[in-house]
């Protein structure tokens, strides 16, 4: 049996909620979760409850940022060849820009 999981207020999380997404939506969700540094459960809960997602810098987030920036570079090089920009790429760029702006404000 799995370990009991409580939230910040010590309430037991005993209800399971599930939903289906397309492979593209799943991949985008996975990228956003990686970049946030949160667990998928915590990321989804914060977004669903309209709470702020605060990214805590750590080696895992750094690695995710680096990987996503390389993927963005590859996509931009592909676009340079005359193809259009996808909405997912724009969303990821906005999310990364928000993280970078937050890091800039934190260092001041």
Protein backbone atom coordinates (compact mmCIF):
# COMPACT_ATOMS: atom_id res chain seq x y z
CA UNK A 1 0.00 0.00 0.00
CA UNK A 2 1.28 3.47 -0.81
CA UNK A 3 2.28 6.04 1.77
CA UNK A 4 -0.44 8.44 2.95
CA UNK A 5 -0.12 11.84 1.30
CA UNK A 6 -1.19 14.96 3.19
CA UNK A 7 -1.42 18.53 1.91
CA UNK A 8 0.09 21.66 3.53
CA UNK A 9 -2.75 21.78 6.09
CA UNK A 10 -2.24 18.13 7.09
CA UNK A 11 -5.39 16.90 5.34
CA UNK A 12 -5.23 13.36 4.04
CA UNK A 13 -5.41 13.14 0.25
CA UNK A 14 -7.61 10.10 -0.19
CA UNK A 15 -9.63 11.05 -3.31
CA UNK A 16 -8.29 10.16 -6.75
CA UNK A 17 -9.06 12.46 -9.68
CA UNK A 18 -8.16 11.40 -13.20
CA UNK A 19 -8.64 12.76 -16.70
CA UNK A 20 -7.48 12.06 -20.24
CA UNK A 21 -5.32 14.27 -22.43
CA UNK A 22 -3.97 13.96 -25.95
CA UNK A 23 -0.32 12.90 -26.39
CA UNK A 24 0.57 16.50 -27.30
CA UNK A 25 -1.20 17.90 -24.23
CA UNK A 26 0.50 15.27 -22.06
CA UNK A 27 3.93 16.21 -23.42
CA UNK A 28 3.27 19.91 -22.86
CA UNK A 29 2.05 19.24 -19.32
CA UNK A 30 5.17 17.16 -18.63
CA UNK A 31 7.41 20.01 -19.87
CA UNK A 32 5.64 22.56 -17.67
CA UNK A 33 5.85 20.27 -14.64
CA UNK A 34 9.58 19.71 -15.24
CA UNK A 35 10.22 23.44 -15.53
CA UNK A 36 8.26 24.20 -12.36
CA UNK A 37 10.27 21.82 -10.18
CA UNK A 38 7.04 20.62 -8.56
CA UNK A 39 5.48 17.19 -8.62
CA UNK A 40 2.84 16.72 -11.30
CA UNK A 41 0.17 16.48 -8.59
CA UNK A 42 1.23 19.75 -6.93
CA UNK A 43 1.56 21.56 -10.27
CA UNK A 44 -1.90 20.49 -11.47
CA UNK A 45 -3.52 21.31 -8.11
CA UNK A 46 -2.00 24.80 -8.02
CA UNK A 47 -3.08 25.53 -11.58
CA UNK A 48 -6.61 24.15 -11.06
CA UNK A 49 -7.07 26.16 -7.87
CA UNK A 50 -5.71 29.31 -9.54
CA UNK A 51 -2.76 29.51 -7.16
CA UNK A 52 0.60 30.92 -8.15
CA UNK A 53 3.20 28.42 -9.32
CA UNK A 54 6.48 29.52 -7.74
CA UNK A 55 9.54 27.91 -9.27
CA UNK A 56 12.26 27.02 -6.76
CA UNK A 57 15.64 26.88 -8.45
CA UNK A 58 17.47 23.59 -8.08
CA UNK A 59 19.67 21.38 -10.29
CA UNK A 60 16.63 19.54 -11.67
CA UNK A 61 14.95 22.80 -12.76
CA UNK A 62 18.25 24.03 -14.24
CA UNK A 63 18.56 20.80 -16.26
CA UNK A 64 14.94 21.12 -17.44
CA UNK A 65 15.49 24.77 -18.45
CA UNK A 66 18.64 23.86 -20.34
CA UNK A 67 16.89 20.99 -22.14
CA UNK A 68 13.89 23.13 -23.07
CA UNK A 69 16.12 25.96 -24.32
CA UNK A 70 17.91 23.46 -26.59
CA UNK A 71 14.54 22.19 -27.86
CA UNK A 72 13.42 25.78 -28.50
CA UNK A 73 16.64 26.49 -30.41
CA UNK A 74 16.07 23.42 -32.60
CA UNK A 75 12.46 24.46 -33.22
CA UNK A 76 13.47 28.03 -34.09
CA UNK A 77 16.05 26.71 -36.54
CA UNK A 78 13.32 24.56 -38.11
CA UNK A 79 11.03 27.59 -38.31
CA UNK A 80 13.80 29.59 -39.97
CA UNK A 81 13.47 27.10 -42.83
CA UNK A 82 9.97 28.51 -43.54
CA UNK A 83 7.63 26.59 -41.24
CA UNK A 84 5.10 28.14 -38.86
CA UNK A 85 5.38 28.56 -35.07
CA UNK A 86 3.26 26.19 -32.95
CA UNK A 87 1.09 27.43 -30.09
CA UNK A 88 2.81 24.96 -27.73
CA UNK A 89 6.21 26.50 -28.48
CA UNK A 90 4.88 29.98 -27.73
CA UNK A 91 3.38 28.75 -24.43
CA UNK A 92 6.67 27.14 -23.37
CA UNK A 93 8.63 30.28 -24.29
CA UNK A 94 6.24 32.41 -22.21
CA UNK A 95 6.55 30.03 -19.24
CA UNK A 96 10.36 30.06 -19.43
CA UNK A 97 10.37 33.85 -19.77
CA UNK A 98 8.27 34.08 -16.60
CA UNK A 99 10.74 31.85 -14.77
CA UNK A 100 13.68 33.90 -15.98
CA UNK A 101 11.99 37.18 -14.98
CA UNK A 102 11.30 35.73 -11.53
CA UNK A 103 14.95 34.72 -11.19
CA UNK A 104 16.01 38.24 -12.20
CA UNK A 105 13.71 39.85 -9.61
CA UNK A 106 14.88 37.45 -6.89
CA UNK A 107 18.55 38.34 -7.48
CA UNK A 108 17.95 42.10 -6.95
